[in-house]
Amino acid sequence: MAKYKLQEMPDVHHDGKRRVYPKMIINRTLSRKEFVEMMRDYHRGTSPSMVEAVLIDVEDMLVRMLSMGYNVIWAIWVIIHSR
């Protein structure tokens, strides 16, 4: 389960108010190879090469869409790109 710590934002407006937001504590970063192996263990019917190909295509499309100024919302995973 993900763990979070409360982080305080600096007072950028100098109004004496500081906002607090949850910041996820990163356990570790998985390599693409590790992620593909985890996907293979999760769904044995899909070959690792197929998972790798789909990941590469998704990455390419996300880069393309974000570079054109689109926001991409994907289930609970939100990627926000400011224009």
C-alpha atoms as a PDB file:
ATOM      1  CA  MET A   1       0.000   0.000   0.000  1.00  0.00           C
ATOM      2  CA  ALA A   2       1.258   3.473  -0.835  1.00  0.00           C
ATOM      3  CA  LYS A   3       2.399   5.679   2.030  1.00  0.00           C
ATOM      4  CA  TYR A   4       2.179   9.455   2.117  1.00  0.00           C
ATOM      5  CA  LYS A   5       3.625  12.253   4.193  1.00  0.00           C
ATOM      6  CA  LEU A   6       2.136  15.700   4.516  1.00  0.00           C
ATOM      7  CA  GLN A   7       4.240  18.333   2.803  1.00  0.00           C
ATOM      8  CA  GLU A   8       3.868  22.038   3.385  1.00  0.00           C
ATOM      9  CA  MET A   9       3.970  24.376   0.400  1.00  0.00           C
ATOM     10  CA  PRO A  10       5.887  27.651   0.699  1.00  0.00           C
ATOM     11  CA  ASP A  11       3.893  30.838   1.259  1.00  0.00           C
ATOM     12  CA  VAL A  12       4.180  32.137  -2.311  1.00  0.00           C
ATOM     13  CA  HIS A  13       1.421  34.761  -1.961  1.00  0.00           C
ATOM     14  CA  HIS A  14       2.848  36.083   1.332  1.00  0.00           C
ATOM     15  CA  ASP A  15      -0.598  35.974   2.931  1.00  0.00           C
ATOM     16  CA  GLY A  16       0.480  33.834   5.885  1.00  0.00           C
ATOM     17  CA  LYS A  17      -1.362  30.780   4.588  1.00  0.00           C
ATOM     18  CA  ARG A  18       0.526  27.593   3.820  1.00  0.00           C
ATOM     19  CA  ARG A  19      -1.176  24.725   2.084  1.00  0.00           C
ATOM     20  CA  VAL A  20      -0.498  21.137   3.014  1.00  0.00           C
ATOM     21  CA  TYR A  21      -0.634  18.355   0.442  1.00  0.00           C
ATOM     22  CA  PRO A  22       0.068  14.615   0.593  1.00  0.00           C
ATOM     23  CA  LYS A  23       3.319  13.565  -1.062  1.00  0.00           C
ATOM     24  CA  MET A  24       3.782   9.892  -1.856  1.00  0.00           C
ATOM     25  CA  ILE A  25       6.800   8.217  -0.315  1.00  0.00           C
ATOM     26  CA  ILE A  26       8.507   6.354  -3.144  1.00  0.00           C
ATOM     27  CA  ASN A  27       9.423   2.775  -2.272  1.00  0.00           C
ATOM     28  CA  ARG A  28      11.679   2.317  -5.297  1.00  0.00           C
ATOM     29  CA  THR A  29      11.627   2.783  -9.048  1.00  0.00           C
ATOM     30  CA  LEU A  30      11.004  -0.240 -11.239  1.00  0.00           C
ATOM     31  CA  SER A  31      12.828  -0.667 -14.511  1.00  0.00           C
ATOM     32  CA  ARG A  32      10.787  -1.371 -17.617  1.00  0.00           C
ATOM     33  CA  LYS A  33      12.071  -4.953 -17.574  1.00  0.00           C
ATOM     34  CA  GLU A  34      10.911  -5.469 -13.970  1.00  0.00           C
ATOM     35  CA  PHE A  35       7.506  -4.003 -14.800  1.00  0.00           C
ATOM     36  CA  VAL A  36       7.131  -6.305 -17.824  1.00  0.00           C
ATOM     37  CA  GLU A  37       8.040  -9.304 -15.635  1.00  0.00           C
ATOM     38  CA  MET A  38       5.403  -8.255 -13.084  1.00  0.00           C
ATOM     39  CA  MET A  39       2.830  -7.969 -15.878  1.00  0.00           C
ATOM     40  CA  ARG A  40       3.769 -11.451 -17.093  1.00  0.00           C
ATOM     41  CA  ASP A  41       3.278 -12.834 -13.587  1.00  0.00           C
ATOM     42  CA  TYR A  42      -0.068 -11.020 -13.337  1.00  0.00           C
ATOM     43  CA  HIS A  43      -1.429 -12.242 -16.674  1.00  0.00           C
ATOM     44  CA  ARG A  44       0.360 -15.331 -17.996  1.00  0.00           C
ATOM     45  CA  GLY A  45      -1.523 -15.281 -21.313  1.00  0.00           C
ATOM     46  CA  THR A  46       0.323 -12.205 -22.556  1.00  0.00           C
ATOM     47  CA  SER A  47       3.886 -12.534 -23.791  1.00  0.00           C
ATOM     48  CA  PRO A  48       6.552 -10.208 -22.386  1.00  0.00           C
ATOM     49  CA  SER A  49       7.320  -8.943 -25.911  1.00  0.00           C
ATOM     50  CA  MET A  50       3.655  -7.947 -26.379  1.00  0.00           C
ATOM     51  CA  VAL A  51       3.629  -6.078 -23.045  1.00  0.00           C
ATOM     52  CA  GLU A  52       6.880  -4.321 -24.021  1.00  0.00           C
ATOM     53  CA  ALA A  53       5.474  -3.317 -27.421  1.00  0.00           C
ATOM     54  CA  VAL A  54       2.284  -1.894 -25.888  1.00  0.00           C
ATOM     55  CA  LEU A  55       4.277   0.056 -23.272  1.00  0.00           C
ATOM     56  CA  ILE A  56       6.477   1.595 -25.961  1.00  0.00           C
ATOM     57  CA  ASP A  57       3.431   2.585 -28.045  1.00  0.00           C
ATOM     58  CA  VAL A  58       1.660   4.101 -25.020  1.00  0.00           C
ATOM     59  CA  GLU A  59       4.801   6.044 -24.106  1.00  0.00           C
ATOM     60  CA  ASP A  60       5.152   7.376 -27.668  1.00  0.00           C
ATOM     61  CA  MET A  61       1.499   8.438 -27.840  1.00  0.00           C
ATOM     62  CA  LEU A  62       1.628  10.127 -24.421  1.00  0.00           C
ATOM     63  CA  VAL A  63       4.671  12.133 -25.458  1.00  0.00           C
ATOM     64  CA  ARG A  64       2.971  13.133 -28.704  1.00  0.00           C
ATOM     65  CA  MET A  65      -0.315  14.158 -27.051  1.00  0.00           C
ATOM     66  CA  LEU A  66       1.349  16.042 -24.177  1.00  0.00           C
ATOM     67  CA  SER A  67       3.607  17.921 -26.620  1.00  0.00           C
ATOM     68  CA  MET A  68       0.464  19.128 -28.428  1.00  0.00           C
ATOM     69  CA  GLY A  69      -0.970  20.524 -25.188  1.00  0.00           C
ATOM     70  CA  TYR A  70      -3.429  17.763 -24.334  1.00  0.00           C
ATOM     71  CA  ASN A  71      -4.067  16.525 -20.801  1.00  0.00           C
ATOM     72  CA  VAL A  72      -4.293  12.756 -20.585  1.00  0.00           C
ATOM     73  CA  ILE A  73      -6.490  11.148 -17.929  1.00  0.00           C
ATOM     74  CA  TRP A  74      -6.177   7.406 -17.678  1.00  0.00           C
ATOM     75  CA  ALA A  75      -8.275   5.748 -14.958  1.00  0.00           C
ATOM     76  CA  ILE A  76      -6.658   6.784 -11.674  1.00  0.00           C
ATOM     77  CA  TRP A  77      -3.353   7.707 -13.329  1.00  0.00           C
ATOM     78  CA  VAL A  78      -3.416  11.388 -14.233  1.00  0.00           C
ATOM     79  CA  ILE A  79      -0.709  13.072 -16.268  1.00  0.00           C
ATOM     80  CA  ILE A  80      -1.027  16.812 -16.334  1.00  0.00           C
ATOM     81  CA  HIS A  81       0.955  18.978 -18.698  1.00  0.00           C
ATOM     82  CA  SER A  82       0.686  22.738 -18.293  1.00  0.00           C
ATOM     83  CA  ARG A  83       0.416  24.739 -21.467  1.00  0.00           C
END
